[in-house]
């Protein structure tokens, strides 16, 4: 009887530990170093180059081992706005991507900062409404994102995430107002509240 209990106890303890953690992460930050040829062909880097506020949310499923998955949604208003002389009246870029996450095992990091790298594909929607609607663009593009960061917990239920990523379109939109194939890329730096 004692031997059976000794054999079952470690198995029961292991079963109580979750094999994966579901994390909900609302975030806020900045988009910077953007490059695009949408809207202003004479100065292709400028419309997307300014630093702009961005926000969104991620849902991560992290295993106790090396690999996890993520769905990430982001919205950046005023993406193409360049100031008083801008042709743009209203603009934004929205992304929805799925990522594979590669991280250190939980056995090594425990509840301290857990660094990770990620990459994936998804949808990028660019919208730009211009004065007199002469250069309006609405594009749906295939996007690539790569990046990394770290997650750390401050309590059993909440923590923070520091994250930097690079986004880039992979497909062309023949209807977009550009010279040559559509180009749109930028970096994103965010801090997020991690809930589990």
C-alpha atoms as a PDB file:
ATOM      1  CA  UNK A   1       0.000   0.000   0.000  1.00  0.00           C
ATOM      2  CA  UNK A   2       2.817   2.374   0.931  1.00  0.00           C
ATOM      3  CA  UNK A   3       4.631   1.623  -2.331  1.00  0.00           C
ATOM      4  CA  UNK A   4       1.479   2.347  -4.363  1.00  0.00           C
ATOM      5  CA  UNK A   5       0.979   5.691  -2.567  1.00  0.00           C
ATOM      6  CA  UNK A   6       4.634   6.620  -3.070  1.00  0.00           C
ATOM      7  CA  UNK A   7       4.296   5.845  -6.789  1.00  0.00           C
ATOM      8  CA  UNK A   8       1.003   7.751  -7.234  1.00  0.00           C
ATOM      9  CA  UNK A   9       1.903  10.926  -5.300  1.00  0.00           C
ATOM     10  CA  UNK A  10       4.520  12.298  -7.747  1.00  0.00           C
ATOM     11  CA  UNK A  11       2.180  11.541 -10.646  1.00  0.00           C
ATOM     12  CA  UNK A  12      -0.679  13.391  -8.950  1.00  0.00           C
ATOM     13  CA  UNK A  13       1.549  16.363  -8.122  1.00  0.00           C
ATOM     14  CA  UNK A  14       2.734  16.513 -11.723  1.00  0.00           C
ATOM     15  CA  UNK A  15      -0.842  16.343 -13.004  1.00  0.00           C
ATOM     16  CA  UNK A  16      -1.778  19.408 -10.937  1.00  0.00           C
ATOM     17  CA  UNK A  17       0.868  21.527 -12.691  1.00  0.00           C
ATOM     18  CA  UNK A  18      -0.488  23.028 -15.922  1.00  0.00           C
ATOM     19  CA  UNK A  19       1.329  21.893 -19.028  1.00  0.00           C
ATOM     20  CA  UNK A  20       0.619  25.266 -20.669  1.00  0.00           C
ATOM     21  CA  UNK A  21      -0.272  28.772 -19.536  1.00  0.00           C
ATOM     22  CA  UNK A  22      -2.908  30.902 -21.284  1.00  0.00           C
ATOM     23  CA  UNK A  23      -1.846  34.555 -21.108  1.00  0.00           C
ATOM     24  CA  UNK A  24      -3.966  37.577 -22.052  1.00  0.00           C
ATOM     25  CA  UNK A  25      -1.787  40.631 -22.760  1.00  0.00           C
ATOM     26  CA  UNK A  26      -3.225  44.083 -23.512  1.00  0.00           C
ATOM     27  CA  UNK A  27      -0.372  46.359 -24.614  1.00  0.00           C
ATOM     28  CA  UNK A  28       0.509  49.946 -25.496  1.00  0.00           C
ATOM     29  CA  UNK A  29       3.573  51.421 -27.130  1.00  0.00           C
ATOM     30  CA  UNK A  30       5.092  53.032 -30.179  1.00  0.00           C
ATOM     31  CA  UNK A  31       5.572  52.300 -33.848  1.00  0.00           C
ATOM     32  CA  UNK A  32       8.839  53.741 -35.218  1.00  0.00           C
ATOM     33  CA  UNK A  33      11.259  53.621 -38.168  1.00  0.00           C
ATOM     34  CA  UNK A  34       8.539  52.946 -40.697  1.00  0.00           C
ATOM     35  CA  UNK A  35       9.204  52.733 -44.439  1.00  0.00           C
ATOM     36  CA  UNK A  36       6.576  52.807 -47.154  1.00  0.00           C
ATOM     37  CA  UNK A  37       5.968  53.981 -50.712  1.00  0.00           C
ATOM     38  CA  UNK A  38       2.222  54.376 -50.149  1.00  0.00           C
ATOM     39  CA  UNK A  39       0.798  57.882 -50.731  1.00  0.00           C
ATOM     40  CA  UNK A  40       3.960  59.970 -51.307  1.00  0.00           C
ATOM     41  CA  UNK A  41       6.129  58.522 -54.095  1.00  0.00           C
ATOM     42  CA  UNK A  42       8.501  61.507 -54.014  1.00  0.00           C
ATOM     43  CA  UNK A  43       9.511  60.733 -50.427  1.00  0.00           C
ATOM     44  CA  UNK A  44       8.723  57.051 -49.807  1.00  0.00           C
ATOM     45  CA  UNK A  45      10.197  56.779 -46.308  1.00  0.00           C
ATOM     46  CA  UNK A  46       8.509  59.832 -44.818  1.00  0.00           C
ATOM     47  CA  UNK A  47       4.780  58.931 -44.594  1.00  0.00           C
ATOM     48  CA  UNK A  48       5.410  55.936 -42.349  1.00  0.00           C
ATOM     49  CA  UNK A  49       8.603  57.144 -40.712  1.00  0.00           C
ATOM     50  CA  UNK A  50       7.267  59.175 -37.806  1.00  0.00           C
ATOM     51  CA  UNK A  51       6.876  57.670 -34.341  1.00  0.00           C
ATOM     52  CA  UNK A  52       3.218  56.993 -33.548  1.00  0.00           C
ATOM     53  CA  UNK A  53       1.279  55.518 -30.631  1.00  0.00           C
ATOM     54  CA  UNK A  54       0.038  51.968 -31.098  1.00  0.00           C
ATOM     55  CA  UNK A  55      -2.077  49.593 -28.992  1.00  0.00           C
ATOM     56  CA  UNK A  56      -3.585  46.121 -29.092  1.00  0.00           C
ATOM     57  CA  UNK A  57      -3.578  42.751 -27.407  1.00  0.00           C
ATOM     58  CA  UNK A  58      -2.055  39.278 -27.561  1.00  0.00           C
ATOM     59  CA  UNK A  59      -3.265  35.862 -26.464  1.00  0.00           C
ATOM     60  CA  UNK A  60      -0.327  33.555 -25.762  1.00  0.00           C
ATOM     61  CA  UNK A  61      -0.296  29.851 -25.021  1.00  0.00           C
ATOM     62  CA  UNK A  62       3.082  29.057 -23.463  1.00  0.00           C
ATOM     63  CA  UNK A  63       4.150  25.525 -22.645  1.00  0.00           C
ATOM     64  CA  UNK A  64       6.503  24.693 -19.802  1.00  0.00           C
ATOM     65  CA  UNK A  65       9.090  23.857 -22.454  1.00  0.00           C
ATOM     66  CA  UNK A  66      10.554  25.658 -25.449  1.00  0.00           C
ATOM     67  CA  UNK A  67       7.613  26.316 -27.775  1.00  0.00           C
ATOM     68  CA  UNK A  68       4.377  28.294 -27.585  1.00  0.00           C
ATOM     69  CA  UNK A  69       1.870  30.003 -29.869  1.00  0.00           C
ATOM     70  CA  UNK A  70       0.358  33.473 -30.066  1.00  0.00           C
ATOM     71  CA  UNK A  71      -2.400  35.504 -31.703  1.00  0.00           C
ATOM     72  CA  UNK A  72      -1.514  39.217 -31.844  1.00  0.00           C
ATOM     73  CA  UNK A  73      -3.760  42.169 -32.784  1.00  0.00           C
ATOM     74  CA  UNK A  74      -2.486  45.727 -33.184  1.00  0.00           C
ATOM     75  CA  UNK A  75      -3.939  49.061 -34.329  1.00  0.00           C
ATOM     76  CA  UNK A  76      -1.905  52.182 -35.126  1.00  0.00           C
ATOM     77  CA  UNK A  77      -4.021  55.282 -35.875  1.00  0.00           C
ATOM     78  CA  UNK A  78      -2.552  58.240 -37.857  1.00  0.00           C
ATOM     79  CA  UNK A  79       0.084  55.930 -39.335  1.00  0.00           C
ATOM     80  CA  UNK A  80       0.656  57.957 -42.530  1.00  0.00           C
ATOM     81  CA  UNK A  81       0.032  61.430 -41.084  1.00  0.00           C
ATOM     82  CA  UNK A  82       3.048  63.708 -41.482  1.00  0.00           C
ATOM     83  CA  UNK A  83       1.867  67.015 -40.029  1.00  0.00           C
ATOM     84  CA  UNK A  84       0.253  70.210 -41.280  1.00  0.00           C
ATOM     85  CA  UNK A  85       1.427  69.773 -44.877  1.00  0.00           C
ATOM     86  CA  UNK A  86       0.265  66.168 -45.117  1.00  0.00           C
ATOM     87  CA  UNK A  87      -2.155  65.112 -47.827  1.00  0.00           C
ATOM     88  CA  UNK A  88      -3.570  62.609 -45.353  1.00  0.00           C
ATOM     89  CA  UNK A  89      -6.900  63.257 -43.644  1.00  0.00           C
ATOM     90  CA  UNK A  90      -7.252  59.940 -41.811  1.00  0.00           C
ATOM     91  CA  UNK A  91      -5.046  56.839 -41.765  1.00  0.00           C
ATOM     92  CA  UNK A  92      -4.228  53.672 -39.851  1.00  0.00           C
ATOM     93  CA  UNK A  93      -2.488  50.311 -40.027  1.00  0.00           C
ATOM     94  CA  UNK A  94      -3.994  47.221 -38.379  1.00  0.00           C
ATOM     95  CA  UNK A  95      -2.395  43.792 -38.066  1.00  0.00           C
ATOM     96  CA  UNK A  96      -3.612  40.372 -36.978  1.00  0.00           C
ATOM     97  CA  UNK A  97      -0.880  37.731 -36.940  1.00  0.00           C
ATOM     98  CA  UNK A  98      -0.239  34.233 -35.613  1.00  0.00           C
ATOM     99  CA  UNK A  99       3.205  33.526 -34.178  1.00  0.00           C
ATOM    100  CA  UNK A 100       5.331  30.650 -32.995  1.00  0.00           C
ATOM    101  CA  UNK A 101       7.123  31.506 -29.742  1.00  0.00           C
ATOM    102  CA  UNK A 102      10.464  30.057 -28.688  1.00  0.00           C
ATOM    103  CA  UNK A 103      11.354  30.588 -25.021  1.00  0.00           C
ATOM    104  CA  UNK A 104      13.473  29.240 -22.209  1.00  0.00           C
ATOM    105  CA  UNK A 105      11.855  26.346 -20.293  1.00  0.00           C
ATOM    106  CA  UNK A 106       9.918  27.295 -17.179  1.00  0.00           C
ATOM    107  CA  UNK A 107      12.127  24.910 -15.192  1.00  0.00           C
ATOM    108  CA  UNK A 108      15.045  27.313 -15.789  1.00  0.00           C
ATOM    109  CA  UNK A 109      13.318  30.677 -15.442  1.00  0.00           C
ATOM    110  CA  UNK A 110      10.681  29.829 -12.777  1.00  0.00           C
ATOM    111  CA  UNK A 111       8.784  33.091 -12.065  1.00  0.00           C
ATOM    112  CA  UNK A 112      11.640  35.421 -13.053  1.00  0.00           C
ATOM    113  CA  UNK A 113      11.931  37.115 -16.459  1.00  0.00           C
ATOM    114  CA  UNK A 114      11.325  34.595 -19.247  1.00  0.00           C
ATOM    115  CA  UNK A 115      12.920  35.754 -22.522  1.00  0.00           C
ATOM    116  CA  UNK A 116      11.492  34.702 -25.872  1.00  0.00           C
ATOM    117  CA  UNK A 117      11.832  35.072 -29.632  1.00  0.00           C
ATOM    118  CA  UNK A 118       8.945  34.789 -32.083  1.00  0.00           C
ATOM    119  CA  UNK A 119       7.960  34.932 -35.719  1.00  0.00           C
ATOM    120  CA  UNK A 120       4.843  34.473 -37.782  1.00  0.00           C
ATOM    121  CA  UNK A 121       2.508  35.492 -40.576  1.00  0.00           C
ATOM    122  CA  UNK A 122      -0.812  37.271 -40.772  1.00  0.00           C
ATOM    123  CA  UNK A 123      -2.953  40.090 -42.116  1.00  0.00           C
ATOM    124  CA  UNK A 124      -1.918  43.728 -42.517  1.00  0.00           C
ATOM    125  CA  UNK A 125      -4.569  46.350 -43.364  1.00  0.00           C
ATOM    126  CA  UNK A 126      -3.365  49.811 -44.426  1.00  0.00           C
ATOM    127  CA  UNK A 127      -5.861  52.627 -44.850  1.00  0.00           C
ATOM    128  CA  UNK A 128      -5.120  56.169 -45.983  1.00  0.00           C
ATOM    129  CA  UNK A 129      -7.777  58.787 -46.789  1.00  0.00           C
ATOM    130  CA  UNK A 130      -6.380  61.880 -48.522  1.00  0.00           C
ATOM    131  CA  UNK A 131      -7.603  65.352 -49.333  1.00  0.00           C
ATOM    132  CA  UNK A 132     -10.123  65.302 -52.201  1.00  0.00           C
ATOM    133  CA  UNK A 133      -9.676  61.478 -52.162  1.00  0.00           C
ATOM    134  CA  UNK A 134      -7.104  61.737 -54.965  1.00  0.00           C
ATOM    135  CA  UNK A 135      -4.562  59.329 -53.406  1.00  0.00           C
ATOM    136  CA  UNK A 136      -6.788  57.115 -51.245  1.00  0.00           C
ATOM    137  CA  UNK A 137      -5.414  53.668 -50.489  1.00  0.00           C
ATOM    138  CA  UNK A 138      -6.969  50.682 -48.731  1.00  0.00           C
ATOM    139  CA  UNK A 139      -4.749  47.605 -48.868  1.00  0.00           C
ATOM    140  CA  UNK A 140      -4.970  44.111 -47.408  1.00  0.00           C
ATOM    141  CA  UNK A 141      -1.534  42.487 -47.357  1.00  0.00           C
ATOM    142  CA  UNK A 142       0.173  39.331 -46.143  1.00  0.00           C
ATOM    143  CA  UNK A 143       2.525  40.330 -43.316  1.00  0.00           C
ATOM    144  CA  UNK A 144       5.602  38.861 -41.638  1.00  0.00           C
ATOM    145  CA  UNK A 145       6.613  39.736 -38.091  1.00  0.00           C
ATOM    146  CA  UNK A 146       9.709  38.774 -36.095  1.00  0.00           C
ATOM    147  CA  UNK A 147      10.835  39.909 -32.674  1.00  0.00           C
ATOM    148  CA  UNK A 148      11.349  39.085 -29.052  1.00  0.00           C
ATOM    149  CA  UNK A 149      11.136  40.240 -25.474  1.00  0.00           C
ATOM    150  CA  UNK A 150      10.631  39.010 -21.944  1.00  0.00           C
ATOM    151  CA  UNK A 151       7.737  38.203 -19.605  1.00  0.00           C
ATOM    152  CA  UNK A 152       7.939  38.505 -15.831  1.00  0.00           C
ATOM    153  CA  UNK A 153       5.289  37.963 -13.138  1.00  0.00           C
ATOM    154  CA  UNK A 154       4.734  40.302 -10.200  1.00  0.00           C
ATOM    155  CA  UNK A 155       2.021  38.138  -8.601  1.00  0.00           C
ATOM    156  CA  UNK A 156       0.444  34.713  -9.240  1.00  0.00           C
ATOM    157  CA  UNK A 157      -2.066  36.315 -11.641  1.00  0.00           C
ATOM    158  CA  UNK A 158      -0.367  39.364 -13.177  1.00  0.00           C
ATOM    159  CA  UNK A 159       2.906  40.433 -14.723  1.00  0.00           C
ATOM    160  CA  UNK A 160       4.471  42.563 -17.434  1.00  0.00           C
ATOM    161  CA  UNK A 161       5.812  41.984 -20.948  1.00  0.00           C
ATOM    162  CA  UNK A 162       8.481  43.984 -22.739  1.00  0.00           C
ATOM    163  CA  UNK A 163       8.379  43.400 -26.498  1.00  0.00           C
ATOM    164  CA  UNK A 164       9.969  44.644 -29.742  1.00  0.00           C
ATOM    165  CA  UNK A 165       8.953  43.457 -33.231  1.00  0.00           C
ATOM    166  CA  UNK A 166       9.491  44.197 -36.898  1.00  0.00           C
ATOM    167  CA  UNK A 167       6.548  44.026 -39.329  1.00  0.00           C
ATOM    168  CA  UNK A 168       6.828  43.833 -43.116  1.00  0.00           C
ATOM    169  CA  UNK A 169       4.397  43.162 -45.953  1.00  0.00           C
ATOM    170  CA  UNK A 170       5.082  40.185 -48.239  1.00  0.00           C
ATOM    171  CA  UNK A 171       2.466  40.736 -50.945  1.00  0.00           C
ATOM    172  CA  UNK A 172       1.720  43.506 -53.421  1.00  0.00           C
ATOM    173  CA  UNK A 173      -1.500  45.498 -53.845  1.00  0.00           C
ATOM    174  CA  UNK A 174      -1.920  46.598 -57.457  1.00  0.00           C
ATOM    175  CA  UNK A 175      -4.663  49.056 -56.429  1.00  0.00           C
ATOM    176  CA  UNK A 176      -2.468  50.945 -53.946  1.00  0.00           C
ATOM    177  CA  UNK A 177      -1.195  54.395 -54.904  1.00  0.00           C
ATOM    178  CA  UNK A 178       2.540  53.673 -55.140  1.00  0.00           C
ATOM    179  CA  UNK A 179       5.463  53.633 -57.547  1.00  0.00           C
ATOM    180  CA  UNK A 180       6.441  49.983 -57.889  1.00  0.00           C
ATOM    181  CA  UNK A 181       5.398  47.072 -55.659  1.00  0.00           C
ATOM    182  CA  UNK A 182       3.781  47.952 -52.330  1.00  0.00           C
ATOM    183  CA  UNK A 183       6.271  48.416 -49.486  1.00  0.00           C
ATOM    184  CA  UNK A 184       5.250  48.831 -45.859  1.00  0.00           C
ATOM    185  CA  UNK A 185       7.397  47.998 -42.833  1.00  0.00           C
ATOM    186  CA  UNK A 186       7.975  49.314 -39.314  1.00  0.00           C
ATOM    187  CA  UNK A 187       9.204  48.485 -35.813  1.00  0.00           C
ATOM    188  CA  UNK A 188       6.961  48.210 -32.743  1.00  0.00           C
ATOM    189  CA  UNK A 189       8.051  48.662 -29.115  1.00  0.00           C
ATOM    190  CA  UNK A 190       5.440  47.904 -26.431  1.00  0.00           C
ATOM    191  CA  UNK A 191       4.869  47.187 -22.760  1.00  0.00           C
ATOM    192  CA  UNK A 192       1.976  44.926 -21.835  1.00  0.00           C
ATOM    193  CA  UNK A 193       0.014  43.806 -18.782  1.00  0.00           C
ATOM    194  CA  UNK A 194       0.116  39.998 -18.574  1.00  0.00           C
ATOM    195  CA  UNK A 195      -2.930  38.269 -17.055  1.00  0.00           C
ATOM    196  CA  UNK A 196      -3.205  34.520 -16.438  1.00  0.00           C
END
